[in-house]
Structures are given as C-alpha cells and as structure tokens.
Amino acid sequence: MENSYHKPVMLSEAIEALDIRPGGIYVDVTFGGGGHSRAILERLGPDGHLYAFDQDQDALANALDDPRFMLINENFRHVKNFLRLHGVRQVDGLLADLGVSSHQFDECERGFSTRFDGPLDLRMDRRGDTTAADLVNRLDEEELARLLKLYGELPNARQMAKAIVKARGEKDISTTFALRQAVVHHLPRGMENKYLAMLFQALRIEVNGELDALKEMLQQAQQLLAPEGRLVVISYHSLEDRLVKNFFRCGNFEGREEKDFYGNLLSPMVPVVRKAIQASDAEVARNSRARSARLRVGKLSTHNI
C-alpha cells in the first residue's frame, strides 16, 4: 500500500539512525503510507511497541494489523498528551518525515500540486477551518507579501502579492490553476515550477501552522526521550532544517549559543552526526522528492542523563 500512497525517503538511513532496541517504544509521528513504520516493526521484538501519528484521515486506511502498533489520527504537535493518554511517558526513539506525502500531491482535490487543477485547499487535516483560498482572497497585500517572503522565500514576493490582489479583485481565486494564472507573469522563464512550488509552500505552511507544530513537537520529543533515545527528523526545505539544526545544537530555534563556565555548549539535545545526511544519488534517481531531503539525528545531552 505504501508504494502507491507514499514512497518513504531515506528509509534505511532513518531506521539505522533510530538505533532500534527490540523491546523499546518508538513513535512515527508522520505515518503516511506506513513505510517507515513497517521497517520499525520489523526490528521490534514481541515486547516492543510503535505508536504512529497522522493528522490526515486518508492515512487511516493504511493502518497496520499488528498488536504492537497503534495509529493516532492527530497532529504531531499533540504527541506528548496523546502518548500520556495511552500510558506512555518515555520513548526510545521518535521519527518525523516532514512535508507532503506522495498521496497528497497526487490527489487533485487536495490542492497540493501545481500539476492539477483543483480546489485551492492545502489542508493536511481537512477538519481545519482555513484553506489556502481563504488566505489568498482575504489577506491584504502587505500581509500576503510578508507570508510569501517569509515562508516561500520568494525573491519577488511583493510583485506576486500585488498580482494576486489584482486578480482576486475581478474574481475570487478558488483553484490551483486560477492562482497559477494570477502570477503567471511573475514566474521567471525556465524557473516556473520552482517559483510555483515556493508559492504553494508558503501557503501550505501558513494553512497548517507547520513551523509552530514542528517547534512544539521537537520540544515535546526532547521531554519524552529515554536516555540514549534518538530523535530522527527528515526535512525538505531550509526553514524546517534550520529549526531542527538549531534545536539539536543549541536547544533553541534561534541558534543562540549558551555556554557553561568552561565554554562548553549548554543544550538539552546534541546532534549525533555533525552534518545532515542526504539521500544517495541512486535514491534521488528513483525518487526525485529525496533530492531536497535532509536527515538529522539528535539525542539527549549527557547533562540530562
């Protein structure tokens, strides 16, 4: 099922990074098609347990039939509370594969892909109130420009925002193709798809509150980890990766260094590997989504153990 729903990125690298103990408790906070979860279960013994989270109700159809497994249909920003609800206060490892699943990209009615015309939705959890169409039709030009610059890192954010406001003045922008048409004159030749991806990324991050959810999850994961437990995060753009890198290294999201009397860096977490792990050329050839993936591994600092 995971092959059609979602192709897991850096599967072997992520599983190796988790350093799985057969009797341990693990969490996959981005279940999707279940590819990473299946690999974790294969390495767990009869006493091990895996909890998985996914806010997208479509993912529930992929739930695994295994007594050691439980799937929770919630945003991972609530991971600590829902694990406590099930009597879990400490885990041996947590995995997060961030971003959009292949299934979400391929479902035109979800609005994640610029390849298909469909409703301008972009909600990962369709129980949410705000869609991308709400944003592009309601935000004023200044707010829209700030959003596109901050989350899309678009060099021409202001011009795009102006074009969107002009287009919606004639008719509400309610579909992916309508949005694409609104900004078509601001897509540099040869870079049309890249700029569209940056535009949709900005809207998606805002609709789903992705960066705030990531921050909350990382802080809770640190509180949940057992001694020698591992936190493994795969990110797909610089905004996510920067937060993870700073958190592992400094214990905060700004990259602010705090040192003890002897000059040692103080942080509740430490990176297990210095640099982010990238997908192999062979995997990128099989799965283009892996090209932008960055995998980082952290564990509790010995000061906390």
C-alpha atoms as a PDB file:
ATOM      1  CA  MET A   1       0.000   0.000   0.000  1.00  0.00           C
ATOM      2  CA  GLU A   2       2.820   2.446   0.833  1.00  0.00           C
ATOM      3  CA  ASN A   3       4.175   2.258  -2.730  1.00  0.00           C
ATOM      4  CA  SER A   4       1.055   3.901  -4.144  1.00  0.00           C
ATOM      5  CA  TYR A   5       0.323   6.158  -1.168  1.00  0.00           C
ATOM      6  CA  HIS A   6       3.820   7.346  -0.332  1.00  0.00           C
ATOM      7  CA  LYS A   7       7.396   6.332  -1.083  1.00  0.00           C
ATOM      8  CA  PRO A   8       9.385   6.677   2.159  1.00  0.00           C
ATOM      9  CA  VAL A   9      12.542   8.750   1.829  1.00  0.00           C
ATOM     10  CA  MET A  10      15.902   7.570   3.210  1.00  0.00           C
ATOM     11  CA  LEU A  11      14.266   4.511   4.740  1.00  0.00           C
ATOM     12  CA  SER A  12      17.421   2.571   5.615  1.00  0.00           C
ATOM     13  CA  GLU A  13      19.242   5.688   6.860  1.00  0.00           C
ATOM     14  CA  ALA A  14      16.322   6.657   9.128  1.00  0.00           C
ATOM     15  CA  ILE A  15      15.980   3.173  10.609  1.00  0.00           C
ATOM     16  CA  GLU A  16      19.724   2.924  11.228  1.00  0.00           C
ATOM     17  CA  ALA A  17      19.694   6.358  12.870  1.00  0.00           C
ATOM     18  CA  LEU A  18      16.952   5.281  15.295  1.00  0.00           C
ATOM     19  CA  ASP A  19      19.269   2.539  16.635  1.00  0.00           C
ATOM     20  CA  ILE A  20      16.225   0.391  17.452  1.00  0.00           C
ATOM     21  CA  ARG A  21      16.109  -1.766  20.571  1.00  0.00           C
ATOM     22  CA  PRO A  22      13.848  -4.831  20.120  1.00  0.00           C
ATOM     23  CA  GLY A  23      11.921  -4.210  23.340  1.00  0.00           C
ATOM     24  CA  GLY A  24      11.711  -0.437  23.011  1.00  0.00           C
ATOM     25  CA  ILE A  25       8.884   2.041  22.494  1.00  0.00           C
ATOM     26  CA  TYR A  26       9.041   4.079  19.288  1.00  0.00           C
ATOM     27  CA  VAL A  27       6.968   6.811  17.655  1.00  0.00           C
ATOM     28  CA  ASP A  28       6.483   7.583  13.966  1.00  0.00           C
ATOM     29  CA  VAL A  29       4.813  10.997  14.030  1.00  0.00           C
ATOM     30  CA  THR A  30       4.312  11.121  10.227  1.00  0.00           C
ATOM     31  CA  PHE A  31       2.770   7.734   9.409  1.00  0.00           C
ATOM     32  CA  GLY A  32       1.549   8.403   5.840  1.00  0.00           C
ATOM     33  CA  GLY A  33       1.659   5.126   3.904  1.00  0.00           C
ATOM     34  CA  GLY A  34       3.356   3.316   6.762  1.00  0.00           C
ATOM     35  CA  GLY A  35       6.688   2.656   5.056  1.00  0.00           C
ATOM     36  CA  HIS A  36       8.885   3.783   7.943  1.00  0.00           C
ATOM     37  CA  SER A  37       6.527   2.197  10.480  1.00  0.00           C
ATOM     38  CA  ARG A  38       6.720  -1.202   8.803  1.00  0.00           C
ATOM     39  CA  ALA A  39      10.506  -1.081   8.884  1.00  0.00           C
ATOM     40  CA  ILE A  40      10.474  -0.173  12.590  1.00  0.00           C
ATOM     41  CA  LEU A  41       8.110  -3.047  13.416  1.00  0.00           C
ATOM     42  CA  GLU A  42      10.357  -5.491  11.559  1.00  0.00           C
ATOM     43  CA  ARG A  43      13.115  -4.661  14.040  1.00  0.00           C
ATOM     44  CA  LEU A  44      10.961  -4.758  17.164  1.00  0.00           C
ATOM     45  CA  GLY A  45      10.559  -7.885  19.260  1.00  0.00           C
ATOM     46  CA  PRO A  46       7.289  -9.149  20.775  1.00  0.00           C
ATOM     47  CA  ASP A  47       7.597  -6.720  23.688  1.00  0.00           C
ATOM     48  CA  GLY A  48       8.329  -3.654  21.555  1.00  0.00           C
ATOM     49  CA  HIS A  49       5.668  -1.116  20.644  1.00  0.00           C
ATOM     50  CA  LEU A  50       5.174   1.522  17.959  1.00  0.00           C
ATOM     51  CA  TYR A  51       2.822   4.493  18.152  1.00  0.00           C
ATOM     52  CA  ALA A  52       2.154   6.405  14.945  1.00  0.00           C
ATOM     53  CA  PHE A  53       0.554   9.789  14.324  1.00  0.00           C
ATOM     54  CA  ASP A  54      -1.001  11.302  11.204  1.00  0.00           C
ATOM     55  CA  GLN A  55      -3.423  14.215  11.035  1.00  0.00           C
ATOM     56  CA  ASP A  56      -4.624  13.251   7.552  1.00  0.00           C
ATOM     57  CA  GLN A  57      -7.673  10.995   7.775  1.00  0.00           C
ATOM     58  CA  ASP A  58      -6.719   9.360   4.454  1.00  0.00           C
ATOM     59  CA  ALA A  59      -3.753   7.754   6.225  1.00  0.00           C
ATOM     60  CA  LEU A  60      -6.074   5.725   8.467  1.00  0.00           C
ATOM     61  CA  ALA A  61      -6.717   3.336   5.558  1.00  0.00           C
ATOM     62  CA  ASN A  62      -3.053   2.284   5.815  1.00  0.00           C
ATOM     63  CA  ALA A  63      -3.183   1.254   9.498  1.00  0.00           C
ATOM     64  CA  LEU A  64      -1.094  -1.845  10.201  1.00  0.00           C
ATOM     65  CA  ASP A  65      -2.640  -5.002  11.631  1.00  0.00           C
ATOM     66  CA  ASP A  66      -0.144  -5.685  14.395  1.00  0.00           C
ATOM     67  CA  PRO A  67      -0.773  -5.890  18.160  1.00  0.00           C
ATOM     68  CA  ARG A  68       2.413  -3.870  18.740  1.00  0.00           C
ATOM     69  CA  PHE A  69       1.089  -0.951  16.687  1.00  0.00           C
ATOM     70  CA  MET A  70      -1.316   1.945  17.300  1.00  0.00           C
ATOM     71  CA  LEU A  71      -2.222   4.748  14.869  1.00  0.00           C
ATOM     72  CA  ILE A  72      -3.461   8.060  16.304  1.00  0.00           C
ATOM     73  CA  ASN A  73      -5.282  10.470  13.948  1.00  0.00           C
ATOM     74  CA  GLU A  74      -3.861  13.701  15.382  1.00  0.00           C
ATOM     75  CA  ASN A  75      -1.331  16.421  14.596  1.00  0.00           C
ATOM     76  CA  PHE A  76       2.108  15.597  15.994  1.00  0.00           C
ATOM     77  CA  ARG A  77       2.105  18.869  17.906  1.00  0.00           C
ATOM     78  CA  HIS A  78      -0.020  16.917  20.455  1.00  0.00           C
ATOM     79  CA  VAL A  79       2.317  13.902  20.655  1.00  0.00           C
ATOM     80  CA  LYS A  80       3.088  14.173  24.371  1.00  0.00           C
ATOM     81  CA  ASN A  81      -0.524  14.441  25.513  1.00  0.00           C
ATOM     82  CA  PHE A  82      -1.773  11.568  23.380  1.00  0.00           C
ATOM     83  CA  LEU A  83       1.075   9.283  24.411  1.00  0.00           C
ATOM     84  CA  ARG A  84       0.305  10.051  28.040  1.00  0.00           C
ATOM     85  CA  LEU A  85      -3.329   9.205  27.334  1.00  0.00           C
ATOM     86  CA  HIS A  86      -2.072   5.730  26.433  1.00  0.00           C
ATOM     87  CA  GLY A  87       0.181   5.489  29.475  1.00  0.00           C
ATOM     88  CA  VAL A  88       3.441   6.311  27.691  1.00  0.00           C
ATOM     89  CA  ARG A  89       5.752   8.838  29.346  1.00  0.00           C
ATOM     90  CA  GLN A  90       9.079   7.845  27.825  1.00  0.00           C
ATOM     91  CA  VAL A  91      10.120   6.583  24.391  1.00  0.00           C
ATOM     92  CA  ASP A  92      13.318   5.125  22.944  1.00  0.00           C
ATOM     93  CA  GLY A  93      13.057   6.887  19.610  1.00  0.00           C
ATOM     94  CA  LEU A  94      10.927   9.218  17.545  1.00  0.00           C
ATOM     95  CA  LEU A  95      10.909   9.655  13.765  1.00  0.00           C
ATOM     96  CA  ALA A  96       9.461  12.576  11.783  1.00  0.00           C
ATOM     97  CA  ASP A  97       9.406  12.628   7.969  1.00  0.00           C
ATOM     98  CA  LEU A  98       8.141  16.154   7.354  1.00  0.00           C
ATOM     99  CA  GLY A  99       6.379  17.642   4.356  1.00  0.00           C
ATOM    100  CA  VAL A 100       3.714  16.414   1.967  1.00  0.00           C
ATOM    101  CA  SER A 101       3.076  12.766   1.140  1.00  0.00           C
ATOM    102  CA  SER A 102       3.014  11.463  -2.428  1.00  0.00           C
ATOM    103  CA  HIS A 103      -0.686  10.699  -1.938  1.00  0.00           C
ATOM    104  CA  GLN A 104      -1.469  14.295  -1.013  1.00  0.00           C
ATOM    105  CA  PHE A 105       0.392  15.568  -4.081  1.00  0.00           C
ATOM    106  CA  ASP A 106      -1.446  13.138  -6.350  1.00  0.00           C
ATOM    107  CA  GLU A 107      -4.975  13.900  -5.097  1.00  0.00           C
ATOM    108  CA  CYS A 108      -6.060  16.901  -7.188  1.00  0.00           C
ATOM    109  CA  GLU A 109      -8.891  17.823  -4.810  1.00  0.00           C
ATOM    110  CA  ARG A 110      -6.352  18.463  -2.030  1.00  0.00           C
ATOM    111  CA  GLY A 111      -4.685  21.305  -3.960  1.00  0.00           C
ATOM    112  CA  PHE A 112      -1.082  20.439  -3.058  1.00  0.00           C
ATOM    113  CA  SER A 113       0.205  20.045  -6.610  1.00  0.00           C
ATOM    114  CA  THR A 114       0.549  22.707  -9.289  1.00  0.00           C
ATOM    115  CA  ARG A 115       0.223  19.958 -11.922  1.00  0.00           C
ATOM    116  CA  PHE A 116      -3.531  19.510 -11.431  1.00  0.00           C
ATOM    117  CA  ASP A 117      -6.433  21.916 -11.360  1.00  0.00           C
ATOM    118  CA  GLY A 118      -8.424  21.545  -8.176  1.00  0.00           C
ATOM    119  CA  PRO A 119      -9.705  23.397  -5.127  1.00  0.00           C
ATOM    120  CA  LEU A 120      -7.082  25.660  -3.548  1.00  0.00           C
ATOM    121  CA  ASP A 121      -7.209  23.794  -0.248  1.00  0.00           C
ATOM    122  CA  LEU A 122      -3.774  22.697   1.076  1.00  0.00           C
ATOM    123  CA  ARG A 123      -5.091  21.459   4.430  1.00  0.00           C
ATOM    124  CA  MET A 124      -3.289  18.378   5.697  1.00  0.00           C
ATOM    125  CA  ASP A 125      -6.091  17.908   8.208  1.00  0.00           C
ATOM    126  CA  ARG A 126      -9.357  18.610   6.405  1.00  0.00           C
ATOM    127  CA  ARG A 127     -11.020  19.239   9.749  1.00  0.00           C
ATOM    128  CA  GLY A 128      -9.160  22.578   9.824  1.00  0.00           C
ATOM    129  CA  ASP A 129     -11.085  25.813   9.233  1.00  0.00           C
ATOM    130  CA  THR A 130      -8.730  27.776   6.952  1.00  0.00           C
ATOM    131  CA  THR A 131      -7.844  26.882   3.358  1.00  0.00           C
ATOM    132  CA  ALA A 132      -5.272  28.423   1.034  1.00  0.00           C
ATOM    133  CA  ALA A 133      -8.148  30.034  -0.894  1.00  0.00           C
ATOM    134  CA  ASP A 134      -9.156  31.824   2.298  1.00  0.00           C
ATOM    135  CA  LEU A 135      -5.650  33.271   2.609  1.00  0.00           C
ATOM    136  CA  VAL A 136      -5.217  34.481  -0.972  1.00  0.00           C
ATOM    137  CA  ASN A 137      -8.657  36.091  -1.013  1.00  0.00           C
ATOM    138  CA  ARG A 138      -8.647  37.675   2.457  1.00  0.00           C
ATOM    139  CA  LEU A 139      -5.108  38.777   3.377  1.00  0.00           C
ATOM    140  CA  ASP A 140      -4.200  42.311   2.445  1.00  0.00           C
ATOM    141  CA  GLU A 141      -1.325  42.865   0.040  1.00  0.00           C
ATOM    142  CA  GLU A 142       1.218  43.627   2.763  1.00  0.00           C
ATOM    143  CA  GLU A 143       0.355  40.513   4.780  1.00  0.00           C
ATOM    144  CA  LEU A 144       0.397  38.364   1.667  1.00  0.00           C
ATOM    145  CA  ALA A 145       3.809  39.687   0.596  1.00  0.00           C
ATOM    146  CA  ARG A 146       5.228  39.043   4.073  1.00  0.00           C
ATOM    147  CA  LEU A 147       3.880  35.478   4.020  1.00  0.00           C
ATOM    148  CA  LEU A 148       5.329  34.701   0.578  1.00  0.00           C
ATOM    149  CA  LYS A 149       8.713  36.139   1.553  1.00  0.00           C
ATOM    150  CA  LEU A 150       8.909  34.501   4.973  1.00  0.00           C
ATOM    151  CA  TYR A 151       7.641  31.004   4.192  1.00  0.00           C
ATOM    152  CA  GLY A 152       8.182  30.777   0.433  1.00  0.00           C
ATOM    153  CA  GLU A 153      11.466  32.708   0.378  1.00  0.00           C
ATOM    154  CA  LEU A 154      10.284  34.191  -2.914  1.00  0.00           C
ATOM    155  CA  PRO A 155      12.574  36.955  -4.255  1.00  0.00           C
ATOM    156  CA  ASN A 156       9.598  38.663  -5.944  1.00  0.00           C
ATOM    157  CA  ALA A 157       7.108  38.174  -3.121  1.00  0.00           C
ATOM    158  CA  ARG A 158       5.827  41.749  -3.281  1.00  0.00           C
ATOM    159  CA  GLN A 159       5.117  41.600  -7.036  1.00  0.00           C
ATOM    160  CA  MET A 160       3.358  38.248  -6.647  1.00  0.00           C
ATOM    161  CA  ALA A 161       1.213  39.554  -3.813  1.00  0.00           C
ATOM    162  CA  LYS A 162       0.235  42.569  -5.910  1.00  0.00           C
ATOM    163  CA  ALA A 163      -0.691  40.311  -8.848  1.00  0.00           C
ATOM    164  CA  ILE A 164      -2.827  38.079  -6.607  1.00  0.00           C
ATOM    165  CA  VAL A 165      -4.689  41.057  -5.133  1.00  0.00           C
ATOM    166  CA  LYS A 166      -5.347  42.436  -8.627  1.00  0.00           C
ATOM    167  CA  ALA A 167      -6.642  39.066  -9.904  1.00  0.00           C
ATOM    168  CA  ARG A 168      -8.953  38.484  -6.951  1.00  0.00           C
ATOM    169  CA  GLY A 169     -10.428  41.943  -7.490  1.00  0.00           C
ATOM    170  CA  GLU A 170     -12.009  40.576 -10.639  1.00  0.00           C
ATOM    171  CA  LYS A 171     -12.939  37.140  -9.297  1.00  0.00           C
ATOM    172  CA  ASP A 172     -12.168  35.071  -6.182  1.00  0.00           C
ATOM    173  CA  ILE A 173      -9.164  32.768  -6.615  1.00  0.00           C
ATOM    174  CA  SER A 174     -10.552  29.364  -5.689  1.00  0.00           C
ATOM    175  CA  THR A 175      -8.488  26.845  -7.686  1.00  0.00           C
ATOM    176  CA  THR A 176      -4.825  25.944  -8.138  1.00  0.00           C
ATOM    177  CA  PHE A 177      -4.851  26.927 -11.800  1.00  0.00           C
ATOM    178  CA  ALA A 178      -6.541  30.260 -11.032  1.00  0.00           C
ATOM    179  CA  LEU A 179      -3.704  31.062  -8.619  1.00  0.00           C
ATOM    180  CA  ARG A 180      -1.122  29.979 -11.161  1.00  0.00           C
ATOM    181  CA  GLN A 181      -2.727  32.194 -13.790  1.00  0.00           C
ATOM    182  CA  ALA A 182      -2.752  35.150 -11.394  1.00  0.00           C
ATOM    183  CA  VAL A 183       1.043  35.071 -11.021  1.00  0.00           C
ATOM    184  CA  VAL A 184       1.997  33.718 -14.462  1.00  0.00           C
ATOM    185  CA  HIS A 185       3.785  36.939 -15.482  1.00  0.00           C
ATOM    186  CA  HIS A 186       5.989  36.769 -12.385  1.00  0.00           C
ATOM    187  CA  LEU A 187       7.377  33.272 -12.993  1.00  0.00           C
ATOM    188  CA  PRO A 188      10.921  33.600 -14.407  1.00  0.00           C
ATOM    189  CA  ARG A 189      11.442  31.712 -17.644  1.00  0.00           C
ATOM    190  CA  GLY A 190      12.834  28.251 -17.014  1.00  0.00           C
ATOM    191  CA  MET A 191      12.036  28.531 -13.269  1.00  0.00           C
ATOM    192  CA  GLU A 192       8.249  28.481 -13.440  1.00  0.00           C
ATOM    193  CA  ASN A 193       7.835  25.246 -11.482  1.00  0.00           C
ATOM    194  CA  LYS A 194      10.341  26.262  -8.825  1.00  0.00           C
ATOM    195  CA  TYR A 195       8.626  29.588  -8.155  1.00  0.00           C
ATOM    196  CA  LEU A 196       5.188  27.950  -8.108  1.00  0.00           C
ATOM    197  CA  ALA A 197       6.465  25.383  -5.617  1.00  0.00           C
ATOM    198  CA  MET A 198       7.772  28.191  -3.392  1.00  0.00           C
ATOM    199  CA  LEU A 199       4.418  29.986  -3.623  1.00  0.00           C
ATOM    200  CA  PHE A 200       2.439  26.868  -2.696  1.00  0.00           C
ATOM    201  CA  GLN A 201       4.906  26.032   0.073  1.00  0.00           C
ATOM    202  CA  ALA A 202       4.326  29.430   1.692  1.00  0.00           C
ATOM    203  CA  LEU A 203       0.555  28.997   1.655  1.00  0.00           C
ATOM    204  CA  ARG A 204       0.744  25.390   2.859  1.00  0.00           C
ATOM    205  CA  ILE A 205       2.984  26.262   5.814  1.00  0.00           C
ATOM    206  CA  GLU A 206       0.592  29.005   6.916  1.00  0.00           C
ATOM    207  CA  VAL A 207      -2.592  26.955   6.402  1.00  0.00           C
ATOM    208  CA  ASN A 208      -1.243  24.087   8.502  1.00  0.00           C
ATOM    209  CA  GLY A 209       0.816  26.051  11.022  1.00  0.00           C
ATOM    210  CA  GLU A 210       3.691  23.747  10.114  1.00  0.00           C
ATOM    211  CA  LEU A 211       6.649  25.554  11.669  1.00  0.00           C
ATOM    212  CA  ASP A 212       4.929  26.140  15.002  1.00  0.00           C
ATOM    213  CA  ALA A 213       3.809  22.495  15.045  1.00  0.00           C
ATOM    214  CA  LEU A 214       7.383  21.387  14.351  1.00  0.00           C
ATOM    215  CA  LYS A 215       8.733  23.508  17.210  1.00  0.00           C
ATOM    216  CA  GLU A 216       6.161  22.097  19.625  1.00  0.00           C
ATOM    217  CA  MET A 217       6.860  18.530  18.526  1.00  0.00           C
ATOM    218  CA  LEU A 218      10.635  18.901  18.909  1.00  0.00           C
ATOM    219  CA  GLN A 219      10.302  20.310  22.426  1.00  0.00           C
ATOM    220  CA  GLN A 220       7.913  17.528  23.458  1.00  0.00           C
ATOM    221  CA  ALA A 221      10.083  14.843  21.850  1.00  0.00           C
ATOM    222  CA  GLN A 222      13.052  16.016  23.898  1.00  0.00           C
ATOM    223  CA  GLN A 223      10.942  15.661  27.058  1.00  0.00           C
ATOM    224  CA  LEU A 224       9.793  12.179  26.029  1.00  0.00           C
ATOM    225  CA  LEU A 225      13.164  10.667  25.113  1.00  0.00           C
ATOM    226  CA  ALA A 226      14.684   7.995  27.341  1.00  0.00           C
ATOM    227  CA  PRO A 227      18.459   8.093  27.999  1.00  0.00           C
ATOM    228  CA  GLU A 228      20.274   7.219  24.754  1.00  0.00           C
ATOM    229  CA  GLY A 229      16.979   7.618  22.858  1.00  0.00           C
ATOM    230  CA  ARG A 230      17.136   9.030  19.345  1.00  0.00           C
ATOM    231  CA  LEU A 231      15.190  11.779  17.596  1.00  0.00           C
ATOM    232  CA  VAL A 232      15.356  11.491  13.788  1.00  0.00           C
ATOM    233  CA  VAL A 233      13.950  14.238  11.548  1.00  0.00           C
ATOM    234  CA  ILE A 234      13.814  14.368   7.748  1.00  0.00           C
ATOM    235  CA  SER A 235      13.078  17.854   6.400  1.00  0.00           C
ATOM    236  CA  TYR A 236      12.580  19.157   2.869  1.00  0.00           C
ATOM    237  CA  HIS A 237      13.252  22.883   2.958  1.00  0.00           C
ATOM    238  CA  SER A 238      15.661  25.221   4.690  1.00  0.00           C
ATOM    239  CA  LEU A 239      13.097  26.691   7.105  1.00  0.00           C
ATOM    240  CA  GLU A 240      12.423  23.278   8.688  1.00  0.00           C
ATOM    241  CA  ASP A 241      16.038  22.124   8.558  1.00  0.00           C
ATOM    242  CA  ARG A 242      17.281  25.302  10.248  1.00  0.00           C
ATOM    243  CA  LEU A 243      14.886  24.820  13.168  1.00  0.00           C
ATOM    244  CA  VAL A 244      15.959  21.192  13.636  1.00  0.00           C
ATOM    245  CA  LYS A 245      19.667  22.020  13.329  1.00  0.00           C
ATOM    246  CA  ASN A 246      19.458  24.862  15.852  1.00  0.00           C
ATOM    247  CA  PHE A 247      17.398  22.796  18.296  1.00  0.00           C
ATOM    248  CA  PHE A 248      19.797  19.859  18.234  1.00  0.00           C
ATOM    249  CA  ARG A 249      22.840  22.076  18.605  1.00  0.00           C
ATOM    250  CA  CYS A 250      21.682  24.887  20.916  1.00  0.00           C
ATOM    251  CA  GLY A 251      18.397  23.763  22.457  1.00  0.00           C
ATOM    252  CA  ASN A 252      16.565  26.725  20.926  1.00  0.00           C
ATOM    253  CA  PHE A 253      15.304  27.652  17.478  1.00  0.00           C
ATOM    254  CA  GLU A 254      17.265  30.857  17.004  1.00  0.00           C
ATOM    255  CA  GLY A 255      20.700  29.212  17.127  1.00  0.00           C
ATOM    256  CA  ARG A 256      21.563  31.200  20.266  1.00  0.00           C
ATOM    257  CA  GLU A 257      24.580  29.640  21.992  1.00  0.00           C
ATOM    258  CA  GLU A 258      24.690  29.366  25.777  1.00  0.00           C
ATOM    259  CA  LYS A 259      27.887  28.056  27.387  1.00  0.00           C
ATOM    260  CA  ASP A 260      28.942  26.945  30.857  1.00  0.00           C
ATOM    261  CA  PHE A 261      31.881  28.313  32.869  1.00  0.00           C
ATOM    262  CA  TYR A 262      34.299  26.132  30.890  1.00  0.00           C
ATOM    263  CA  GLY A 263      32.984  27.201  27.496  1.00  0.00           C
ATOM    264  CA  ASN A 264      31.000  24.036  26.828  1.00  0.00           C
ATOM    265  CA  LEU A 265      27.809  24.496  24.839  1.00  0.00           C
ATOM    266  CA  LEU A 266      24.713  24.026  27.014  1.00  0.00           C
ATOM    267  CA  SER A 267      21.824  22.251  25.310  1.00  0.00           C
ATOM    268  CA  PRO A 268      19.342  19.535  26.329  1.00  0.00           C
ATOM    269  CA  MET A 269      19.996  17.871  22.949  1.00  0.00           C
ATOM    270  CA  VAL A 270      23.135  17.093  20.978  1.00  0.00           C
ATOM    271  CA  PRO A 271      23.462  16.121  17.320  1.00  0.00           C
ATOM    272  CA  VAL A 272      24.552  12.517  16.754  1.00  0.00           C
ATOM    273  CA  VAL A 273      26.027  13.407  13.364  1.00  0.00           C
ATOM    274  CA  ARG A 274      27.571  16.815  12.628  1.00  0.00           C
ATOM    275  CA  LYS A 275      26.114  17.355   9.173  1.00  0.00           C
ATOM    276  CA  ALA A 276      22.717  16.489   7.764  1.00  0.00           C
ATOM    277  CA  ILE A 277      22.587  13.164   5.918  1.00  0.00           C
ATOM    278  CA  GLN A 278      21.460  13.401   2.287  1.00  0.00           C
ATOM    279  CA  ALA A 279      19.881  10.793   0.037  1.00  0.00           C
ATOM    280  CA  SER A 280      22.129   8.787  -2.257  1.00  0.00           C
ATOM    281  CA  ASP A 281      22.287   9.535  -5.964  1.00  0.00           C
ATOM    282  CA  ALA A 282      20.595   6.183  -6.599  1.00  0.00           C
ATOM    283  CA  GLU A 283      17.636   7.084  -4.387  1.00  0.00           C
ATOM    284  CA  VAL A 284      17.286  10.541  -5.949  1.00  0.00           C
ATOM    285  CA  ALA A 285      17.194   8.847  -9.364  1.00  0.00           C
ATOM    286  CA  ARG A 286      14.337   6.627  -8.129  1.00  0.00           C
ATOM    287  CA  ASN A 287      12.502   9.306  -6.170  1.00  0.00           C
ATOM    288  CA  SER A 288      13.051  12.974  -7.085  1.00  0.00           C
ATOM    289  CA  ARG A 289      11.453  14.079  -3.780  1.00  0.00           C
ATOM    290  CA  ALA A 290      14.557  12.762  -1.996  1.00  0.00           C
ATOM    291  CA  ARG A 291      16.743  15.416  -3.649  1.00  0.00           C
ATOM    292  CA  SER A 292      15.868  18.112  -1.115  1.00  0.00           C
ATOM    293  CA  ALA A 293      15.683  15.791   1.923  1.00  0.00           C
ATOM    294  CA  ARG A 294      17.979  16.384   4.895  1.00  0.00           C
ATOM    295  CA  LEU A 295      18.103  13.872   7.756  1.00  0.00           C
ATOM    296  CA  ARG A 296      19.331  14.943  11.188  1.00  0.00           C
ATOM    297  CA  VAL A 297      19.764  12.805  14.297  1.00  0.00           C
ATOM    298  CA  GLY A 298      19.777  14.030  17.883  1.00  0.00           C
ATOM    299  CA  LYS A 299      19.841  12.559  21.357  1.00  0.00           C
ATOM    300  CA  LEU A 300      19.729  13.836  24.928  1.00  0.00           C
ATOM    301  CA  SER A 301      22.825  15.569  26.188  1.00  0.00           C
ATOM    302  CA  THR A 302      24.736  13.643  28.870  1.00  0.00           C
ATOM    303  CA  HIS A 303      23.999  16.618  31.162  1.00  0.00           C
ATOM    304  CA  ASN A 304      20.359  15.442  31.152  1.00  0.00           C
ATOM    305  CA  ILE A 305      21.098  11.785  31.887  1.00  0.00           C
END
